[in-house]
Amino acid sequence: MKLQTNILNRWIKFSAVLASCLLLFQAVLTAQDSTSVTEETTAPVKVKPVKNTFQSVWIIDNQTVLVPNKGTLEMDIMHRFGVIDEGARDFWGFFEPSNIRLGINYAPINKLSLGIGITKEKMLFDVSAKYSLFTQTKGKYPVSLTYYGNAALDSRKNGVTDIYDGSSIKHWSDRLFFFHEIIISGYYIKNDSTGKEIYKSMKNDHFAFSISARYKLTTVTSVLFNYDQPITKHPSNNPSPNLSFGVEFNTSSHSFQLFFTNYYNLNQQRNNLFNKNSPFAYTDKVTGKKVDGRQFLIGFNITRLWSY
């Protein structure tokens, strides 16, 4: 009987020790789980840059801050009809001489897009580069900042007179046009250079600012707005401002924009330096000449993207 009692006491002690160890082990696991949950809940959430501020690299006549992703091939088709001020006589500008631009851009790396294009008016060939310096990110960057620049070459023969502005090519410098801009969520600063032989009284450098806006009505439909205001004052031939407004329709790889605008040229530097279509009637303070307003024309842009 005494032996059985000793064995029973040993089993009771062993069971008590085993139970204590199991309880201690469970407490350790519970503490680790609690710590893990706390770490997961307190770990900072990675903030991603804002997407789809604009659906297209274009907003009517101006570039947006958007740079397509690496490996994206983009094709642009841009068209401007004539001024609508003749009404039904030329079917509101549809039967006037039109201007067309075809362009191709490719993004070899992230944040960079390179492009080439050709424009009917003056047979302009252009090369361009666009680089996203940073993208709007909550808590880091309040706006998006993008650089865009291009160089254009007038390929017409010497002595050919332009039907739009009466200019002609006499020297090689008359053929070259340069354009640079810093885009801050739709705010533009532009620089333009061209030969003085075309407009001897105009300065080579020209500055302007632009305001562009897009408001989404639905997931695939938006309304667009542009306003471009010249800053530089020339002795004569001052360019007129531009007012553009229209609609945009989007798919995952297409963007179609239909709008009214004052800009006929499809090259940014020529639009900013030589635009003569004014949205308002005004008197030129330099020359004293009255400028008729409401010189709008109908245009459209089509952008197609392919990812490789």
Protein backbone atom coordinates (compact mmCIF):
# COMPACT_ATOMS: atom_id res chain seq x y z
CA MET A 1 0.00 0.00 0.00
CA LYS A 2 2.85 2.40 0.83
CA LEU A 3 4.51 1.69 -2.53
CA GLN A 4 1.30 2.45 -4.41
CA THR A 5 0.92 5.71 -2.52
CA ASN A 6 4.47 6.82 -3.51
CA ILE A 7 3.83 6.01 -7.17
CA LEU A 8 0.56 7.95 -7.08
CA ASN A 9 2.27 10.97 -5.51
CA ARG A 10 4.97 10.92 -8.19
CA TRP A 11 2.35 10.86 -10.96
CA ILE A 12 0.52 13.76 -9.36
CA LYS A 13 3.76 15.79 -9.15
CA PHE A 14 4.73 14.87 -12.74
CA SER A 15 1.28 15.84 -14.01
CA ALA A 16 1.44 19.15 -12.16
CA VAL A 17 4.87 19.96 -13.65
CA LEU A 18 3.70 18.94 -17.15
CA ALA A 19 0.57 21.07 -16.83
CA SER A 20 2.65 24.03 -15.67
CA CYS A 21 5.00 23.67 -18.65
CA LEU A 22 2.09 23.46 -21.07
CA LEU A 23 0.49 26.56 -19.57
CA LEU A 24 3.81 28.44 -19.76
CA PHE A 25 4.33 27.40 -23.40
CA GLN A 26 0.83 28.49 -24.31
CA ALA A 27 1.42 31.87 -22.65
CA VAL A 28 4.61 32.37 -24.69
CA LEU A 29 2.80 31.55 -27.95
CA THR A 30 -0.04 33.89 -27.06
CA ALA A 31 2.41 36.71 -26.35
CA GLN A 32 4.18 36.14 -29.68
CA ASP A 33 0.89 36.16 -31.57
CA SER A 34 -0.12 39.37 -29.81
CA THR A 35 3.21 40.99 -30.68
CA SER A 36 2.90 39.84 -34.30
CA VAL A 37 -0.62 41.27 -34.59
CA THR A 38 0.52 44.53 -33.02
CA GLU A 39 3.43 44.78 -35.46
CA GLU A 40 1.15 44.09 -38.41
CA THR A 41 -1.42 46.64 -37.34
CA THR A 42 1.16 49.29 -36.58
CA ALA A 43 3.31 48.68 -39.68
CA PRO A 44 3.11 51.71 -42.00
CA VAL A 45 0.96 51.28 -45.11
CA LYS A 46 2.89 52.01 -48.30
CA VAL A 47 1.39 55.07 -50.01
CA LYS A 48 1.22 54.78 -53.79
CA PRO A 49 1.38 57.72 -56.24
CA VAL A 50 -1.90 59.12 -57.57
CA LYS A 51 -3.03 57.37 -60.76
CA ASN A 52 -5.07 58.57 -63.73
CA THR A 53 -4.93 62.30 -63.02
CA PHE A 54 -5.26 62.43 -66.81
CA GLN A 55 -6.23 59.63 -69.20
CA SER A 56 -4.14 60.96 -72.10
CA VAL A 57 -0.79 62.66 -72.61
CA TRP A 58 -2.80 65.46 -74.29
CA ILE A 59 -5.48 67.72 -72.89
CA ILE A 60 -6.71 69.37 -76.12
CA ASP A 61 -3.67 71.47 -77.21
CA ASN A 62 -1.39 70.98 -74.20
CA GLN A 63 0.64 68.17 -72.71
CA THR A 64 -0.42 66.69 -69.37
CA VAL A 65 1.80 65.41 -66.54
CA LEU A 66 1.09 61.81 -67.65
CA VAL A 67 4.02 59.68 -68.87
CA PRO A 68 2.99 56.16 -70.03
CA ASN A 69 4.48 53.12 -68.29
CA LYS A 70 7.67 51.45 -69.49
CA GLY A 71 7.15 49.52 -72.73
CA THR A 72 4.14 51.57 -73.86
CA LEU A 73 3.86 52.53 -77.53
CA GLU A 74 1.57 55.50 -78.17
CA MET A 75 0.12 56.78 -81.45
CA ASP A 76 -1.42 60.26 -81.75
CA ILE A 77 -3.82 61.47 -84.45
CA MET A 78 -4.60 65.19 -84.11
CA HIS A 79 -6.89 67.16 -86.43
CA ARG A 80 -8.02 70.79 -86.63
CA PHE A 81 -10.66 72.09 -89.03
CA GLY A 82 -10.93 75.74 -90.15
CA VAL A 83 -12.35 78.67 -88.17
CA ILE A 84 -16.16 78.50 -87.80
CA ASP A 85 -16.81 82.26 -88.27
CA GLU A 86 -18.09 81.82 -91.87
CA GLY A 87 -20.96 79.66 -90.65
CA ALA A 88 -22.76 77.55 -93.23
CA ARG A 89 -20.71 78.98 -96.12
CA ASP A 90 -17.91 76.52 -95.38
CA PHE A 91 -19.97 74.27 -93.08
CA TRP A 92 -18.57 75.86 -89.94
CA GLY A 93 -14.98 75.35 -90.96
CA PHE A 94 -15.22 71.69 -91.95
CA PHE A 95 -14.47 72.52 -95.61
CA GLU A 96 -11.69 74.98 -94.82
CA PRO A 97 -8.04 73.83 -95.13
CA SER A 98 -7.42 71.55 -92.15
CA ASN A 99 -4.30 70.76 -90.18
CA ILE A 100 -3.23 67.24 -89.19
CA ARG A 101 -0.48 65.82 -87.01
CA LEU A 102 0.62 62.19 -86.70
CA GLY A 103 2.90 61.18 -83.84
CA ILE A 104 4.45 58.08 -82.28
CA ASN A 105 5.92 57.91 -78.78
CA TYR A 106 7.59 55.10 -76.84
CA ALA A 107 8.55 54.72 -73.17
CA PRO A 108 11.89 52.80 -73.06
CA ILE A 109 12.10 53.12 -69.27
CA ASN A 110 9.76 54.21 -66.50
CA LYS A 111 9.06 57.95 -66.33
CA LEU A 112 10.56 58.67 -69.79
CA SER A 113 8.83 58.90 -73.17
CA LEU A 114 10.48 59.71 -76.51
CA GLY A 115 8.58 60.68 -79.64
CA ILE A 116 8.57 61.78 -83.27
CA GLY A 117 5.85 63.43 -85.32
CA ILE A 118 4.94 65.24 -88.51
CA THR A 119 2.47 68.12 -89.00
CA LYS A 120 0.81 69.09 -92.28
CA GLU A 121 1.11 72.85 -91.76
CA LYS A 122 4.69 73.82 -92.78
CA MET A 123 5.49 70.08 -93.01
CA LEU A 124 6.99 70.21 -89.54
CA PHE A 125 9.00 67.22 -88.34
CA ASP A 126 9.42 67.09 -84.57
CA VAL A 127 11.26 65.04 -81.94
CA SER A 128 10.28 65.19 -78.29
CA ALA A 129 11.17 63.97 -74.81
CA LYS A 130 9.01 63.84 -71.71
CA TYR A 131 10.18 62.91 -68.21
CA SER A 132 8.21 62.61 -64.98
CA LEU A 133 10.33 64.13 -62.21
CA PHE A 134 7.90 63.01 -59.50
CA THR A 135 4.24 62.04 -59.16
CA GLN A 136 1.72 63.36 -56.66
CA THR A 137 1.88 61.15 -53.55
CA LYS A 138 -0.02 61.67 -50.31
CA GLY A 139 2.29 62.85 -47.55
CA LYS A 140 5.26 63.14 -49.92
CA TYR A 141 4.58 65.15 -53.09
CA PRO A 142 1.58 67.54 -53.17
CA VAL A 143 1.70 67.83 -57.00
CA SER A 144 3.10 66.05 -60.04
CA LEU A 145 6.05 67.60 -61.88
CA THR A 146 6.93 66.69 -65.48
CA TYR A 147 9.34 68.12 -68.05
CA TYR A 148 8.46 68.21 -71.75
CA GLY A 149 10.53 69.53 -74.64
CA ASN A 150 10.64 69.26 -78.41
CA ALA A 151 12.53 70.48 -81.45
CA ALA A 152 10.75 70.98 -84.80
CA LEU A 153 12.07 71.40 -88.33
CA ASP A 154 10.22 73.25 -91.12
CA SER A 155 10.91 71.06 -94.16
CA ARG A 156 9.41 73.31 -96.86
CA LYS A 157 11.51 74.49 -99.79
CA ASN A 158 13.19 77.88 -99.66
CA GLY A 159 10.96 80.74 -100.78
CA VAL A 160 7.66 78.87 -100.35
CA THR A 161 5.05 81.22 -98.82
CA ASP A 162 2.83 79.85 -96.08
CA ILE A 163 -0.91 80.23 -96.80
CA TYR A 164 -1.71 80.61 -93.10
CA ASP A 165 0.63 83.40 -91.94
CA GLY A 166 2.48 84.49 -95.11
CA SER A 167 5.90 83.42 -93.77
CA SER A 168 8.60 81.98 -95.99
CA ILE A 169 11.93 80.19 -95.56
CA LYS A 170 15.08 82.17 -96.41
CA HIS A 171 17.68 80.87 -93.97
CA TRP A 172 18.34 77.59 -92.16
CA SER A 173 17.62 79.25 -88.82
CA ASP A 174 14.08 79.97 -90.03
CA ARG A 175 13.42 76.23 -90.08
CA LEU A 176 14.12 75.48 -86.42
CA PHE A 177 11.70 75.82 -83.51
CA PHE A 178 12.34 74.82 -79.90
CA PHE A 179 9.97 74.37 -77.01
CA HIS A 180 10.42 73.59 -73.31
CA GLU A 181 7.93 73.40 -70.46
CA ILE A 182 7.69 72.43 -66.84
CA ILE A 183 4.24 70.98 -66.11
CA ILE A 184 3.02 71.24 -62.53
CA SER A 185 -0.39 69.55 -62.41
CA GLY A 186 -1.42 71.51 -65.49
CA TYR A 187 0.60 74.72 -65.06
CA TYR A 188 2.97 75.44 -67.92
CA ILE A 189 5.97 77.68 -68.51
CA LYS A 190 7.03 77.82 -72.13
CA ASN A 191 10.07 78.99 -74.05
CA ASP A 192 10.11 79.41 -77.82
CA SER A 193 12.86 80.25 -80.30
CA THR A 194 12.59 80.91 -84.01
CA GLY A 195 14.37 82.82 -86.76
CA LYS A 196 13.71 86.57 -86.86
CA GLU A 197 13.51 86.56 -90.64
CA ILE A 198 9.86 85.47 -90.51
CA TYR A 199 8.73 88.12 -88.02
CA LYS A 200 11.60 90.60 -87.73
CA SER A 201 9.79 92.67 -85.12
CA MET A 202 9.23 89.72 -82.79
CA LYS A 203 11.55 88.56 -80.05
CA ASN A 204 13.17 85.15 -80.31
CA ASP A 205 12.16 84.05 -76.82
CA HIS A 206 8.53 83.89 -75.84
CA PHE A 207 6.96 83.00 -72.50
CA ALA A 208 3.37 82.04 -71.73
CA PHE A 209 1.39 80.18 -69.12
CA SER A 210 -1.45 77.71 -69.48
CA ILE A 211 -4.20 76.42 -67.23
CA SER A 212 -5.67 73.01 -68.06
CA ALA A 213 -8.42 71.12 -66.26
CA ARG A 214 -10.28 67.83 -66.57
CA TYR A 215 -13.46 66.85 -64.72
CA LYS A 216 -14.73 63.26 -64.83
CA LEU A 217 -18.47 62.94 -65.40
CA THR A 218 -18.37 59.13 -65.47
CA THR A 219 -15.62 56.51 -65.49
CA VAL A 220 -15.25 56.92 -69.27
CA THR A 221 -16.41 60.50 -69.93
CA SER A 222 -14.78 63.81 -68.95
CA VAL A 223 -15.06 67.50 -69.79
CA LEU A 224 -11.87 69.39 -70.69
CA PHE A 225 -10.72 73.00 -70.43
CA ASN A 226 -7.60 74.89 -71.56
CA TYR A 227 -6.57 78.50 -71.38
CA ASP A 228 -3.25 79.76 -72.77
CA GLN A 229 -2.11 83.32 -72.07
CA PRO A 230 0.94 84.94 -73.73
CA ILE A 231 3.25 86.82 -71.35
CA THR A 232 5.98 88.22 -73.61
CA LYS A 233 5.11 91.51 -75.33
CA HIS A 234 6.55 91.94 -78.83
CA PRO A 235 6.89 95.22 -80.76
CA SER A 236 4.19 93.88 -83.11
CA ASN A 237 2.45 90.66 -84.18
CA ASN A 238 1.59 89.72 -80.61
CA PRO A 239 -0.07 86.28 -80.41
CA SER A 240 -3.64 85.92 -79.19
CA PRO A 241 -4.63 83.83 -76.16
CA ASN A 242 -6.32 80.48 -76.58
CA LEU A 243 -9.52 79.19 -75.00
CA SER A 244 -10.37 75.51 -75.50
CA PHE A 245 -13.15 73.37 -74.11
CA GLY A 246 -14.57 69.97 -75.04
CA VAL A 247 -15.27 66.38 -74.02
CA GLU A 248 -13.16 63.22 -73.70
CA PHE A 249 -14.18 59.57 -74.06
CA ASN A 250 -11.86 56.81 -72.80
CA THR A 251 -11.31 53.07 -72.89
CA SER A 252 -8.39 51.20 -71.33
CA SER A 253 -6.21 51.92 -74.37
CA HIS A 254 -7.99 54.71 -76.29
CA SER A 255 -8.67 58.38 -75.68
CA PHE A 256 -10.91 60.45 -77.99
CA GLN A 257 -11.20 64.22 -77.42
CA LEU A 258 -13.62 66.50 -79.31
CA PHE A 259 -13.44 70.24 -78.66
CA PHE A 260 -13.55 73.91 -79.69
CA THR A 261 -10.23 75.76 -79.72
CA ASN A 262 -8.49 78.87 -81.09
CA TYR A 263 -5.27 77.01 -81.88
CA TYR A 264 -4.84 75.88 -85.49
CA ASN A 265 -1.20 74.82 -85.33
CA LEU A 266 -0.41 71.40 -83.92
CA ASN A 267 3.02 72.36 -82.64
CA GLN A 268 3.18 73.98 -79.21
CA GLN A 269 5.80 76.59 -80.01
CA ARG A 270 3.99 77.75 -83.14
CA ASN A 271 0.67 77.88 -81.30
CA ASN A 272 2.11 80.01 -78.51
CA LEU A 273 4.13 82.35 -80.71
CA PHE A 274 2.00 82.78 -83.83
CA ASN A 275 -1.66 82.21 -82.88
CA LYS A 276 -3.92 84.85 -84.49
CA ASN A 277 -7.32 83.35 -83.63
CA SER A 278 -8.65 85.13 -80.56
CA PRO A 279 -11.50 84.02 -78.27
CA PHE A 280 -12.15 87.67 -77.34
CA ALA A 281 -12.42 90.97 -79.19
CA TYR A 282 -9.69 93.37 -78.07
CA THR A 283 -7.39 96.21 -79.18
CA ASP A 284 -3.68 95.51 -79.48
CA LYS A 285 -2.01 97.98 -77.08
CA VAL A 286 1.17 98.04 -79.17
CA THR A 287 -0.27 98.55 -82.66
CA GLY A 288 -3.67 99.99 -81.75
CA LYS A 289 -5.38 97.54 -84.12
CA LYS A 290 -8.73 95.98 -83.22
CA VAL A 291 -8.75 92.19 -83.17
CA ASP A 292 -11.99 90.33 -83.85
CA GLY A 293 -12.88 87.63 -81.36
CA ARG A 294 -14.78 84.35 -81.31
CA GLN A 295 -12.43 82.80 -83.88
CA PHE A 296 -12.95 79.19 -82.83
CA LEU A 297 -12.39 76.00 -84.78
CA ILE A 298 -13.38 72.38 -84.21
CA GLY A 299 -10.72 69.79 -83.49
CA PHE A 300 -10.19 66.29 -82.21
CA ASN A 301 -7.37 64.14 -80.77
CA ILE A 302 -7.17 60.35 -80.85
CA THR A 303 -4.60 58.53 -78.72
CA ARG A 304 -3.97 54.77 -78.90
CA LEU A 305 -1.72 52.86 -76.48
CA TRP A 306 -0.10 49.45 -76.79
CA SER A 307 1.86 47.77 -73.98
CA TYR A 308 4.86 45.54 -74.74
